[in-house]
Structures are given as structure tokens and as C-alpha cells.
């Protein structure tokens, strides 16, 4: 069995320095958070809103379900997102 098919994905929401929210997915949240806060590998959106902090995370079964959940959350209002955390 291919290990990639069993990789868990983490959906996360970051709170940026300007109080905005950013939603993304990763397989390694600690590494990704460091990228968002310190490197050019972080999203362009968060690069100019540092520091960022994780305010919500949930485990997803696979990449496909993580991407679907990410899209669902990105369509939510700020109030609906805040209700998650």
C-alpha cells in the first residue's frame, strides 16, 4: 500500500496580525506555521500580515476531503468561521 494514500491532512485557520483569517491545508502544521511566519514559502497573503497564529485545526482523511473542507470554510462568513473556534 502506498503511504501517500494514508497521509492525513490538517485543515487550519490562522489569525493574522491585522485580525483577518487565513485558511489552508498541510500535512505538517508546525512546519507550515513556521513558513507563514518566517519564510517566503508562506502564502503571499500572510507574508504581509505577520505574525500569524493557529486558531483552529481539524484532521482530514485525505487531500481531497481537506480541499473540499477548505473550500467550504472559505465560503463561510467571518461569524461562521469564528463559531468554529
N, C-alpha and C. Protein backbone atom coordinates (compact mmCIF):
# COMPACT_ATOMS: atom_id res chain seq x y z
N UNK A 1 0.84 -1.19 0.00
CA UNK A 1 0.00 0.00 0.00
C UNK A 1 0.88 1.25 0.00
N UNK A 2 0.52 2.23 -0.77
CA UNK A 2 1.27 3.47 -0.89
C UNK A 2 1.01 4.35 0.34
N UNK A 3 2.07 4.77 1.02
CA UNK A 3 1.93 5.61 2.21
C UNK A 3 1.28 6.95 1.93
N UNK A 4 1.43 7.46 0.71
CA UNK A 4 0.84 8.75 0.38
C UNK A 4 -0.67 8.71 0.48
N UNK A 5 -1.28 7.57 0.21
CA UNK A 5 -2.74 7.48 0.26
C UNK A 5 -3.26 7.50 1.69
N UNK A 6 -2.38 7.25 2.67
CA UNK A 6 -2.82 7.25 4.07
C UNK A 6 -2.37 8.50 4.82
N UNK A 7 -1.80 9.45 4.10
CA UNK A 7 -1.34 10.67 4.72
C UNK A 7 -2.52 11.50 5.20
N UNK A 8 -2.47 11.91 6.44
CA UNK A 8 -3.53 12.77 6.98
C UNK A 8 -3.21 14.22 6.65
N UNK A 9 -4.23 14.96 6.36
CA UNK A 9 -4.09 16.39 6.11
C UNK A 9 -4.73 17.17 7.23
N UNK A 10 -4.19 18.32 7.50
CA UNK A 10 -4.73 19.19 8.54
C UNK A 10 -5.25 20.45 7.88
N UNK A 11 -6.50 20.73 8.12
CA UNK A 11 -7.07 22.00 7.69
C UNK A 11 -6.85 22.96 8.84
N UNK A 12 -6.42 24.18 8.55
CA UNK A 12 -6.14 25.12 9.63
C UNK A 12 -6.64 26.52 9.28
N UNK A 13 -6.92 27.27 10.33
CA UNK A 13 -7.26 28.69 10.17
C UNK A 13 -6.24 29.47 10.99
N UNK A 14 -5.65 30.47 10.35
CA UNK A 14 -4.70 31.36 11.02
C UNK A 14 -5.37 32.70 11.28
N UNK A 15 -5.03 33.29 12.40
CA UNK A 15 -5.42 34.66 12.68
C UNK A 15 -4.18 35.51 12.44
N UNK A 16 -4.33 36.48 11.56
CA UNK A 16 -3.21 37.33 11.19
C UNK A 16 -3.11 38.53 12.12
N UNK A 17 -1.99 39.21 12.05
CA UNK A 17 -1.73 40.38 12.89
C UNK A 17 -2.78 41.47 12.72
N UNK A 18 -3.38 41.56 11.54
CA UNK A 18 -4.41 42.57 11.28
C UNK A 18 -5.82 42.06 11.58
N UNK A 19 -5.90 40.93 12.30
CA UNK A 19 -7.16 40.31 12.73
C UNK A 19 -7.92 39.59 11.61
N UNK A 20 -7.35 39.51 10.40
CA UNK A 20 -8.01 38.76 9.34
C UNK A 20 -7.70 37.27 9.52
N UNK A 21 -8.44 36.44 8.81
CA UNK A 21 -8.28 35.00 8.91
C UNK A 21 -7.78 34.43 7.58
N UNK A 22 -6.96 33.40 7.68
CA UNK A 22 -6.44 32.71 6.51
C UNK A 22 -6.69 31.22 6.71
N UNK A 23 -7.20 30.55 5.69
CA UNK A 23 -7.49 29.11 5.77
C UNK A 23 -6.59 28.36 4.80
N UNK A 24 -6.03 27.24 5.25
CA UNK A 24 -5.18 26.43 4.39
C UNK A 24 -5.16 24.98 4.83
N UNK A 25 -4.43 24.16 4.09
CA UNK A 25 -4.25 22.75 4.45
C UNK A 25 -2.77 22.41 4.39
N UNK A 26 -2.39 21.40 5.14
CA UNK A 26 -1.00 20.94 5.18
C UNK A 26 -0.94 19.54 5.75
N UNK A 27 0.22 18.91 5.63
CA UNK A 27 0.45 17.63 6.30
C UNK A 27 1.32 17.82 7.53
N UNK A 28 1.89 19.01 7.68
CA UNK A 28 2.78 19.29 8.82
C UNK A 28 2.51 20.72 9.28
N UNK A 29 1.63 20.87 10.25
CA UNK A 29 1.20 22.20 10.67
C UNK A 29 2.33 23.01 11.31
N UNK A 30 3.16 22.38 12.10
CA UNK A 30 4.26 23.10 12.75
C UNK A 30 5.20 23.72 11.70
N UNK A 31 5.56 22.93 10.71
CA UNK A 31 6.44 23.42 9.64
C UNK A 31 5.75 24.52 8.84
N UNK A 32 4.48 24.32 8.53
CA UNK A 32 3.76 25.30 7.72
C UNK A 32 3.59 26.63 8.45
N UNK A 33 3.31 26.57 9.74
CA UNK A 33 3.19 27.79 10.54
C UNK A 33 4.50 28.57 10.54
N UNK A 34 5.60 27.85 10.68
CA UNK A 34 6.92 28.50 10.65
C UNK A 34 7.13 29.18 9.29
N UNK A 35 6.72 28.51 8.21
CA UNK A 35 6.85 29.10 6.88
C UNK A 35 6.02 30.37 6.76
N UNK A 36 4.80 30.32 7.27
CA UNK A 36 3.94 31.50 7.23
C UNK A 36 4.56 32.68 7.98
N UNK A 37 5.23 32.39 9.06
CA UNK A 37 5.76 33.46 9.92
C UNK A 37 7.17 33.93 9.57
N UNK A 38 7.96 33.09 8.89
CA UNK A 38 9.36 33.46 8.74
C UNK A 38 9.94 33.37 7.34
N UNK A 39 9.28 32.70 6.41
CA UNK A 39 9.93 32.48 5.11
C UNK A 39 9.10 33.00 3.95
N UNK A 40 9.70 32.97 2.78
CA UNK A 40 8.99 33.34 1.56
C UNK A 40 8.10 32.21 1.06
N UNK A 41 8.15 31.05 1.72
CA UNK A 41 7.30 29.93 1.33
C UNK A 41 5.89 30.07 1.89
N UNK A 42 5.72 30.98 2.84
CA UNK A 42 4.39 31.24 3.37
C UNK A 42 3.54 31.90 2.29
N UNK A 43 2.24 31.85 2.45
CA UNK A 43 1.35 32.46 1.47
C UNK A 43 1.61 33.96 1.37
N UNK A 44 1.46 34.48 0.17
CA UNK A 44 1.65 35.91 -0.04
C UNK A 44 0.72 36.72 0.88
N UNK A 45 -0.49 36.20 1.08
CA UNK A 45 -1.46 36.89 1.94
C UNK A 45 -0.92 37.06 3.36
N UNK A 46 -0.34 36.01 3.92
CA UNK A 46 0.12 36.08 5.31
C UNK A 46 1.48 36.77 5.44
N UNK A 47 2.24 36.81 4.36
CA UNK A 47 3.59 37.39 4.40
C UNK A 47 3.56 38.84 4.89
N UNK A 48 2.52 39.54 4.56
CA UNK A 48 2.42 40.95 4.93
C UNK A 48 1.53 41.18 6.15
N UNK A 49 1.14 40.10 6.80
CA UNK A 49 0.25 40.20 7.97
C UNK A 49 0.81 39.42 9.16
N UNK A 50 2.12 39.33 9.24
CA UNK A 50 2.79 38.59 10.31
C UNK A 50 2.79 39.38 11.60
N UNK A 51 2.86 38.71 12.73
CA UNK A 51 2.85 37.26 12.90
C UNK A 51 1.44 36.69 12.78
N UNK A 52 1.38 35.40 12.49
CA UNK A 52 0.11 34.70 12.43
C UNK A 52 0.10 33.61 13.50
N UNK A 53 -1.10 33.23 13.93
CA UNK A 53 -1.22 32.16 14.92
C UNK A 53 -2.36 31.24 14.52
N UNK A 54 -2.22 29.96 14.85
CA UNK A 54 -3.26 28.98 14.56
C UNK A 54 -4.39 29.17 15.56
N UNK A 55 -5.60 29.33 15.05
CA UNK A 55 -6.76 29.46 15.94
C UNK A 55 -7.72 28.28 15.80
N UNK A 56 -7.53 27.49 14.74
CA UNK A 56 -8.40 26.34 14.53
C UNK A 56 -7.68 25.32 13.66
N UNK A 57 -7.92 24.05 13.95
CA UNK A 57 -7.38 22.98 13.11
C UNK A 57 -8.28 21.77 13.21
N UNK A 58 -8.36 21.04 12.12
CA UNK A 58 -9.09 19.78 12.13
C UNK A 58 -8.40 18.80 11.20
N UNK A 59 -8.42 17.54 11.58
CA UNK A 59 -7.79 16.48 10.83
C UNK A 59 -8.72 16.02 9.72
N UNK A 60 -8.18 15.87 8.52
CA UNK A 60 -8.95 15.39 7.37
C UNK A 60 -8.35 14.07 6.91
N UNK A 61 -9.19 13.22 6.39
CA UNK A 61 -8.78 11.88 6.00
C UNK A 61 -7.74 11.87 4.87
N UNK A 62 -7.93 12.73 3.88
CA UNK A 62 -7.04 12.76 2.73
C UNK A 62 -7.05 14.15 2.10
N UNK A 63 -6.23 14.32 1.08
CA UNK A 63 -6.10 15.64 0.43
C UNK A 63 -7.44 16.11 -0.16
N UNK A 64 -8.15 15.20 -0.77
CA UNK A 64 -9.42 15.55 -1.40
C UNK A 64 -10.43 16.09 -0.38
N UNK A 65 -10.58 15.41 0.73
CA UNK A 65 -11.52 15.87 1.75
C UNK A 65 -11.04 17.16 2.39
N UNK A 66 -9.73 17.33 2.52
CA UNK A 66 -9.18 18.57 3.08
C UNK A 66 -9.47 19.75 2.16
N UNK A 67 -9.29 19.55 0.85
CA UNK A 67 -9.56 20.63 -0.11
C UNK A 67 -11.04 21.00 -0.14
N UNK A 68 -11.90 20.00 -0.04
CA UNK A 68 -13.35 20.27 -0.02
C UNK A 68 -13.72 21.05 1.23
N UNK A 69 -13.17 20.65 2.36
CA UNK A 69 -13.46 21.34 3.62
C UNK A 69 -12.91 22.77 3.59
N UNK A 70 -11.72 22.94 3.01
CA UNK A 70 -11.13 24.26 2.88
C UNK A 70 -12.04 25.18 2.07
N UNK A 71 -12.56 24.68 0.97
CA UNK A 71 -13.45 25.47 0.13
C UNK A 71 -14.73 25.84 0.89
N UNK A 72 -15.27 24.90 1.63
CA UNK A 72 -16.47 25.16 2.44
C UNK A 72 -16.21 26.27 3.44
N UNK A 73 -15.09 26.20 4.14
CA UNK A 73 -14.77 27.21 5.15
C UNK A 73 -14.49 28.56 4.52
N UNK A 74 -13.81 28.57 3.37
CA UNK A 74 -13.52 29.85 2.72
C UNK A 74 -14.80 30.57 2.28
N UNK A 75 -15.87 29.82 2.07
CA UNK A 75 -17.15 30.42 1.69
C UNK A 75 -17.95 30.92 2.89
N UNK A 76 -17.51 30.57 4.08
CA UNK A 76 -18.22 30.98 5.31
C UNK A 76 -18.00 32.46 5.60
N UNK A 77 -18.95 33.03 6.32
CA UNK A 77 -18.79 34.40 6.81
C UNK A 77 -17.79 34.40 7.96
N UNK A 78 -17.33 35.57 8.31
CA UNK A 78 -16.41 35.70 9.45
C UNK A 78 -17.06 35.15 10.72
N UNK A 79 -18.33 35.46 10.91
CA UNK A 79 -19.06 35.00 12.09
C UNK A 79 -19.13 33.47 12.13
N UNK A 80 -19.37 32.84 10.99
CA UNK A 80 -19.42 31.37 10.95
C UNK A 80 -18.05 30.77 11.24
N UNK A 81 -17.00 31.38 10.72
CA UNK A 81 -15.65 30.90 10.99
C UNK A 81 -15.32 31.03 12.47
N UNK A 82 -15.67 32.18 13.06
CA UNK A 82 -15.41 32.40 14.49
C UNK A 82 -16.12 31.37 15.35
N UNK A 83 -17.28 30.88 14.90
CA UNK A 83 -18.03 29.89 15.67
C UNK A 83 -17.30 28.55 15.73
N UNK A 84 -16.37 28.32 14.80
CA UNK A 84 -15.59 27.09 14.81
C UNK A 84 -14.60 27.05 15.97
N UNK A 85 -14.16 28.25 16.38
CA UNK A 85 -13.17 28.31 17.45
C UNK A 85 -13.64 29.29 18.45
